Amino acid sequence: MSLPQVIACVTANAADSLNLKTKGRLQPGLDADLTLFTLKRQPTVLVDAEHDSLQAEELLTPLAAIRAGKGYMTEQGSAEHAFNF
């Protein structure tokens, strides 16, 4: 899958399939929860819940998330506490 396809699958498509009308898109009036990623060129084996696997050449690693105006860093983002905007 291309990067735009992956992003669509985990944002708008996921929100649509769960009937979450205020999620999945950046538009005025909708919730603006965000996740910040870094794209690493790193061969990786992806395994799903049914133990099927796929070789990927790139890996998206989350660095931080913003939910309801509060920011959270991941271990990869190296901060330990939430931050406010």
C-alpha atoms as a PDB file:
ATOM      1  CA  MET A   1       0.000   0.000   0.000  1.00  0.00           C
ATOM      2  CA  SER A   2       1.132   3.529  -0.636  1.00  0.00           C
ATOM      3  CA  LEU A   3       1.500   5.986   2.255  1.00  0.00           C
ATOM      4  CA  PRO A   4      -1.675   7.899   1.236  1.00  0.00           C
ATOM      5  CA  GLN A   5      -3.604   4.592   1.178  1.00  0.00           C
ATOM      6  CA  VAL A   6      -2.339   3.669   4.649  1.00  0.00           C
ATOM      7  CA  ILE A   7      -3.315   7.086   6.013  1.00  0.00           C
ATOM      8  CA  ALA A   8      -6.809   6.800   4.492  1.00  0.00           C
ATOM      9  CA  CYS A   9      -7.250   3.324   6.011  1.00  0.00           C
ATOM     10  CA  VAL A  10      -6.449   4.500   9.543  1.00  0.00           C
ATOM     11  CA  THR A  11      -8.326   7.814   9.352  1.00  0.00           C
ATOM     12  CA  ALA A  12     -11.352   8.477   7.117  1.00  0.00           C
ATOM     13  CA  ASN A  13     -12.007   4.851   6.138  1.00  0.00           C
ATOM     14  CA  ALA A  14     -11.797   3.636   9.754  1.00  0.00           C
ATOM     15  CA  ALA A  15     -14.075   6.434  10.996  1.00  0.00           C
ATOM     16  CA  ASP A  16     -16.584   5.760   8.206  1.00  0.00           C
ATOM     17  CA  SER A  17     -16.705   2.022   8.923  1.00  0.00           C
ATOM     18  CA  LEU A  18     -17.405   2.754  12.608  1.00  0.00           C
ATOM     19  CA  ASN A  19     -19.929   5.495  11.752  1.00  0.00           C
ATOM     20  CA  LEU A  20     -17.880   8.096  13.665  1.00  0.00           C
ATOM     21  CA  LYS A  21     -19.060  11.228  11.903  1.00  0.00           C
ATOM     22  CA  THR A  22     -16.767  13.691  13.751  1.00  0.00           C
ATOM     23  CA  LYS A  23     -13.578  11.633  13.335  1.00  0.00           C
ATOM     24  CA  GLY A  24     -11.135  10.740  10.593  1.00  0.00           C
ATOM     25  CA  ARG A  25     -10.798  14.073   8.786  1.00  0.00           C
ATOM     26  CA  LEU A  26      -9.313  17.502   9.391  1.00  0.00           C
ATOM     27  CA  GLN A  27     -12.244  19.816   8.713  1.00  0.00           C
ATOM     28  CA  PRO A  28     -13.827  22.746  10.573  1.00  0.00           C
ATOM     29  CA  GLY A  29     -16.282  21.497  13.200  1.00  0.00           C
ATOM     30  CA  LEU A  30     -14.788  17.996  13.486  1.00  0.00           C
ATOM     31  CA  ASP A  31     -12.626  16.603  16.276  1.00  0.00           C
ATOM     32  CA  ALA A  32      -8.954  17.235  15.543  1.00  0.00           C
ATOM     33  CA  ASP A  33      -7.179  14.386  17.301  1.00  0.00           C
ATOM     34  CA  LEU A  34      -3.804  13.797  15.630  1.00  0.00           C
ATOM     35  CA  THR A  35      -0.923  11.357  15.706  1.00  0.00           C
ATOM     36  CA  LEU A  36       2.548  12.383  14.545  1.00  0.00           C
ATOM     37  CA  PHE A  37       4.650   9.686  12.883  1.00  0.00           C
ATOM     38  CA  THR A  38       8.117   9.285  11.484  1.00  0.00           C
ATOM     39  CA  LEU A  39       8.588   7.151   8.369  1.00  0.00           C
ATOM     40  CA  LYS A  40      11.617   4.882   8.617  1.00  0.00           C
ATOM     41  CA  ARG A  41      13.073   2.950   5.716  1.00  0.00           C
ATOM     42  CA  GLN A  42      13.415  -0.242   7.699  1.00  0.00           C
ATOM     43  CA  PRO A  43      12.547  -3.726   6.441  1.00  0.00           C
ATOM     44  CA  THR A  44       9.907  -5.121   8.796  1.00  0.00           C
ATOM     45  CA  VAL A  45       7.718  -8.209   8.940  1.00  0.00           C
ATOM     46  CA  LEU A  46       4.104  -7.282   9.726  1.00  0.00           C
ATOM     47  CA  VAL A  47       1.938  -9.988  11.321  1.00  0.00           C
ATOM     48  CA  ASP A  48      -1.842  -9.714  11.720  1.00  0.00           C
ATOM     49  CA  ALA A  49      -4.192 -11.294  14.275  1.00  0.00           C
ATOM     50  CA  GLU A  50      -4.556 -14.404  12.103  1.00  0.00           C
ATOM     51  CA  HIS A  51      -0.753 -14.786  11.979  1.00  0.00           C
ATOM     52  CA  ASP A  52      -0.531 -13.901   8.286  1.00  0.00           C
ATOM     53  CA  SER A  53       2.655 -11.971   7.555  1.00  0.00           C
ATOM     54  CA  LEU A  54       3.834  -9.436   5.014  1.00  0.00           C
ATOM     55  CA  GLN A  55       7.295  -7.987   4.387  1.00  0.00           C
ATOM     56  CA  ALA A  56       7.323  -4.172   4.438  1.00  0.00           C
ATOM     57  CA  GLU A  57      10.228  -1.933   3.459  1.00  0.00           C
ATOM     58  CA  GLU A  58       9.080   1.060   5.527  1.00  0.00           C
ATOM     59  CA  LEU A  59       7.752   1.465   9.048  1.00  0.00           C
ATOM     60  CA  LEU A  60       5.572   4.224  10.512  1.00  0.00           C
ATOM     61  CA  THR A  61       6.590   4.894  14.112  1.00  0.00           C
ATOM     62  CA  PRO A  62       4.357   7.101  16.300  1.00  0.00           C
ATOM     63  CA  LEU A  63       6.122   9.998  18.025  1.00  0.00           C
ATOM     64  CA  ALA A  64       3.265  11.899  19.652  1.00  0.00           C
ATOM     65  CA  ALA A  65      -0.502  12.209  19.805  1.00  0.00           C
ATOM     66  CA  ILE A  66      -2.797  15.167  20.381  1.00  0.00           C
ATOM     67  CA  ARG A  67      -6.210  14.359  21.865  1.00  0.00           C
ATOM     68  CA  ALA A  68      -8.714  16.925  23.118  1.00  0.00           C
ATOM     69  CA  GLY A  69      -6.009  19.603  23.096  1.00  0.00           C
ATOM     70  CA  LYS A  70      -3.546  17.628  25.218  1.00  0.00           C
ATOM     71  CA  GLY A  71      -0.332  16.250  23.760  1.00  0.00           C
ATOM     72  CA  TYR A  72       1.280  12.933  24.574  1.00  0.00           C
ATOM     73  CA  MET A  73       4.763  11.799  23.570  1.00  0.00           C
ATOM     74  CA  THR A  74       5.631   8.152  22.929  1.00  0.00           C
ATOM     75  CA  GLU A  75       8.817   6.478  24.107  1.00  0.00           C
ATOM     76  CA  GLN A  76      10.187   7.062  20.597  1.00  0.00           C
ATOM     77  CA  GLY A  77       9.362  10.762  21.034  1.00  0.00           C
ATOM     78  CA  SER A  78      11.432  10.590  24.254  1.00  0.00           C
ATOM     79  CA  ALA A  79       9.260  12.748  26.550  1.00  0.00           C
ATOM     80  CA  GLU A  80       7.669  11.158  29.607  1.00  0.00           C
ATOM     81  CA  HIS A  81       4.755  13.475  30.347  1.00  0.00           C
ATOM     82  CA  ALA A  82       1.785  15.016  28.595  1.00  0.00           C
ATOM     83  CA  PHE A  83       2.029  18.566  27.324  1.00  0.00           C
ATOM     84  CA  ASN A  84      -0.644  21.215  26.761  1.00  0.00           C
ATOM     85  CA  PHE A  85      -1.140  23.642  23.890  1.00  0.00           C
END
